[in-house]
């Protein structure tokens, strides 16, 4: 399965540069937690302060299961608290929603 999600960064060039620097090499414990949740590939792109994430998952992947795994993992909780200092919700995000799933509107057949 493929999922596409979006999130905004705070519109501050220094914060954006540091966020990118923090993502140059994945922390091993974070990469391990992503893979163990059934995510086979993850890519993040940026345009201005908007982030776009593509994830490729196993067929049995579940955002709910991943959220539960993340909640039980202190390293992930520390990472999420850290990166949230750079992030801001999209204007239309639900309360507490970080990465917002995107709706596919076109596919070249």
C-alpha atoms as a PDB file:
ATOM      1  CA  UNK A   1       0.000   0.000   0.000  1.00  0.00           C
ATOM      2  CA  UNK A   2       1.076   3.571  -0.588  1.00  0.00           C
ATOM      3  CA  UNK A   3       0.013   6.497   1.589  1.00  0.00           C
ATOM      4  CA  UNK A   4       0.732  10.177   1.063  1.00  0.00           C
ATOM      5  CA  UNK A   5       0.574  12.631   3.945  1.00  0.00           C
ATOM      6  CA  UNK A   6       1.226  16.336   4.455  1.00  0.00           C
ATOM      7  CA  UNK A   7       2.372  18.529   7.339  1.00  0.00           C
ATOM      8  CA  UNK A   8       3.698  22.070   7.692  1.00  0.00           C
ATOM      9  CA  UNK A   9       6.863  23.268   9.348  1.00  0.00           C
ATOM     10  CA  UNK A  10       7.006  26.557  11.179  1.00  0.00           C
ATOM     11  CA  UNK A  11       7.872  29.131   8.532  1.00  0.00           C
ATOM     12  CA  UNK A  12      11.339  29.938   9.862  1.00  0.00           C
ATOM     13  CA  UNK A  13      14.361  29.331   7.591  1.00  0.00           C
ATOM     14  CA  UNK A  14      16.653  28.426  10.506  1.00  0.00           C
ATOM     15  CA  UNK A  15      14.161  25.898  11.909  1.00  0.00           C
ATOM     16  CA  UNK A  16      13.571  24.416   8.452  1.00  0.00           C
ATOM     17  CA  UNK A  17      17.322  24.042   7.895  1.00  0.00           C
ATOM     18  CA  UNK A  18      17.736  22.320  11.260  1.00  0.00           C
ATOM     19  CA  UNK A  19      14.775  20.025  10.579  1.00  0.00           C
ATOM     20  CA  UNK A  20      16.390  18.971   7.311  1.00  0.00           C
ATOM     21  CA  UNK A  21      19.725  18.450   9.058  1.00  0.00           C
ATOM     22  CA  UNK A  22      18.057  16.221  11.646  1.00  0.00           C
ATOM     23  CA  UNK A  23      16.658  14.094   8.808  1.00  0.00           C
ATOM     24  CA  UNK A  24      19.919  13.671   6.862  1.00  0.00           C
ATOM     25  CA  UNK A  25      20.494  10.327   8.557  1.00  0.00           C
ATOM     26  CA  UNK A  26      17.744   8.421  10.307  1.00  0.00           C
ATOM     27  CA  UNK A  27      18.326   7.589  13.958  1.00  0.00           C
ATOM     28  CA  UNK A  28      18.657   3.781  14.042  1.00  0.00           C
ATOM     29  CA  UNK A  29      16.046   3.284  16.765  1.00  0.00           C
ATOM     30  CA  UNK A  30      13.546   5.445  14.859  1.00  0.00           C
ATOM     31  CA  UNK A  31      14.220   3.684  11.539  1.00  0.00           C
ATOM     32  CA  UNK A  32      13.804   0.329  13.314  1.00  0.00           C
ATOM     33  CA  UNK A  33      10.451   1.387  14.785  1.00  0.00           C
ATOM     34  CA  UNK A  34       9.230   2.545  11.356  1.00  0.00           C
ATOM     35  CA  UNK A  35      10.193  -0.760   9.748  1.00  0.00           C
ATOM     36  CA  UNK A  36       8.768  -2.874  12.578  1.00  0.00           C
ATOM     37  CA  UNK A  37       5.385  -1.173  12.081  1.00  0.00           C
ATOM     38  CA  UNK A  38       5.228  -2.551   8.520  1.00  0.00           C
ATOM     39  CA  UNK A  39       6.555   0.473   6.646  1.00  0.00           C
ATOM     40  CA  UNK A  40       8.935  -0.658   3.907  1.00  0.00           C
ATOM     41  CA  UNK A  41       9.842   2.751   2.503  1.00  0.00           C
ATOM     42  CA  UNK A  42       9.356   6.328   3.641  1.00  0.00           C
ATOM     43  CA  UNK A  43      10.305   9.500   1.804  1.00  0.00           C
ATOM     44  CA  UNK A  44       9.742  13.110   2.838  1.00  0.00           C
ATOM     45  CA  UNK A  45       9.799  16.043   0.404  1.00  0.00           C
ATOM     46  CA  UNK A  46       9.603  19.778   1.137  1.00  0.00           C
ATOM     47  CA  UNK A  47       8.256  22.784  -0.770  1.00  0.00           C
ATOM     48  CA  UNK A  48       8.581  25.974   1.248  1.00  0.00           C
ATOM     49  CA  UNK A  49       7.410  24.975   4.697  1.00  0.00           C
ATOM     50  CA  UNK A  50       5.080  22.218   3.452  1.00  0.00           C
ATOM     51  CA  UNK A  51       6.177  18.604   3.893  1.00  0.00           C
ATOM     52  CA  UNK A  52       4.925  15.696   1.793  1.00  0.00           C
ATOM     53  CA  UNK A  53       5.530  12.116   2.953  1.00  0.00           C
ATOM     54  CA  UNK A  54       5.126   8.951   0.913  1.00  0.00           C
ATOM     55  CA  UNK A  55       5.096   5.641   2.731  1.00  0.00           C
ATOM     56  CA  UNK A  56       5.012   2.169   1.214  1.00  0.00           C
ATOM     57  CA  UNK A  57       3.651  -0.459   3.605  1.00  0.00           C
ATOM     58  CA  UNK A  58       2.857  -4.115   4.017  1.00  0.00           C
ATOM     59  CA  UNK A  59      -0.748  -4.999   3.178  1.00  0.00           C
ATOM     60  CA  UNK A  60      -1.572  -5.472   6.859  1.00  0.00           C
ATOM     61  CA  UNK A  61      -0.196  -2.052   7.935  1.00  0.00           C
ATOM     62  CA  UNK A  62      -2.427  -0.034  10.258  1.00  0.00           C
ATOM     63  CA  UNK A  63      -1.984   3.561  11.418  1.00  0.00           C
ATOM     64  CA  UNK A  64      -3.697   2.587  14.683  1.00  0.00           C
ATOM     65  CA  UNK A  65      -1.211  -0.227  15.344  1.00  0.00           C
ATOM     66  CA  UNK A  66       1.703   2.057  14.508  1.00  0.00           C
ATOM     67  CA  UNK A  67       0.348   4.716  16.886  1.00  0.00           C
ATOM     68  CA  UNK A  68       0.100   2.145  19.684  1.00  0.00           C
ATOM     69  CA  UNK A  69       3.645   0.921  18.999  1.00  0.00           C
ATOM     70  CA  UNK A  70       4.916   4.512  18.988  1.00  0.00           C
ATOM     71  CA  UNK A  71       3.156   5.294  22.266  1.00  0.00           C
ATOM     72  CA  UNK A  72       4.936   2.357  23.905  1.00  0.00           C
ATOM     73  CA  UNK A  73       8.377   3.314  22.561  1.00  0.00           C
ATOM     74  CA  UNK A  74      10.264   5.934  24.636  1.00  0.00           C
ATOM     75  CA  UNK A  75      12.741   6.651  21.811  1.00  0.00           C
ATOM     76  CA  UNK A  76       9.894   7.427  19.405  1.00  0.00           C
ATOM     77  CA  UNK A  77       8.155   9.585  22.019  1.00  0.00           C
ATOM     78  CA  UNK A  78      11.384  11.566  22.522  1.00  0.00           C
ATOM     79  CA  UNK A  79      11.845  11.974  18.743  1.00  0.00           C
ATOM     80  CA  UNK A  80       8.226  13.067  18.228  1.00  0.00           C
ATOM     81  CA  UNK A  81       8.473  15.623  21.032  1.00  0.00           C
ATOM     82  CA  UNK A  82      11.675  16.974  19.481  1.00  0.00           C
ATOM     83  CA  UNK A  83      10.407  17.254  15.882  1.00  0.00           C
ATOM     84  CA  UNK A  84       7.105  18.751  16.998  1.00  0.00           C
ATOM     85  CA  UNK A  85       9.047  21.891  17.979  1.00  0.00           C
ATOM     86  CA  UNK A  86       9.607  22.418  14.220  1.00  0.00           C
ATOM     87  CA  UNK A  87       6.145  21.418  13.052  1.00  0.00           C
ATOM     88  CA  UNK A  88       2.739  23.055  12.914  1.00  0.00           C
ATOM     89  CA  UNK A  89      -0.576  21.504  11.938  1.00  0.00           C
ATOM     90  CA  UNK A  90      -2.108  22.160   8.572  1.00  0.00           C
ATOM     91  CA  UNK A  91      -4.893  24.779   8.787  1.00  0.00           C
ATOM     92  CA  UNK A  92      -7.535  22.098   8.136  1.00  0.00           C
ATOM     93  CA  UNK A  93      -6.057  19.386  10.394  1.00  0.00           C
ATOM     94  CA  UNK A  94      -8.262  17.851  13.052  1.00  0.00           C
ATOM     95  CA  UNK A  95      -7.352  18.651  16.676  1.00  0.00           C
ATOM     96  CA  UNK A  96      -4.241  16.674  17.599  1.00  0.00           C
ATOM     97  CA  UNK A  97      -3.665  15.559  13.989  1.00  0.00           C
ATOM     98  CA  UNK A  98      -0.109  15.880  12.760  1.00  0.00           C
ATOM     99  CA  UNK A  99       0.450  14.267   9.369  1.00  0.00           C
ATOM    100  CA  UNK A 100      -2.759  14.597   7.338  1.00  0.00           C
ATOM    101  CA  UNK A 101      -3.565  11.836   4.828  1.00  0.00           C
ATOM    102  CA  UNK A 102      -3.854  13.133   1.293  1.00  0.00           C
ATOM    103  CA  UNK A 103      -6.546  12.092  -1.183  1.00  0.00           C
ATOM    104  CA  UNK A 104      -5.309  10.846  -4.543  1.00  0.00           C
ATOM    105  CA  UNK A 105      -7.067  12.786  -7.281  1.00  0.00           C
ATOM    106  CA  UNK A 106      -5.200  11.558 -10.371  1.00  0.00           C
ATOM    107  CA  UNK A 107      -3.291   8.529 -11.584  1.00  0.00           C
ATOM    108  CA  UNK A 108      -1.799   8.181 -15.044  1.00  0.00           C
ATOM    109  CA  UNK A 109      -3.097   4.895 -16.413  1.00  0.00           C
END
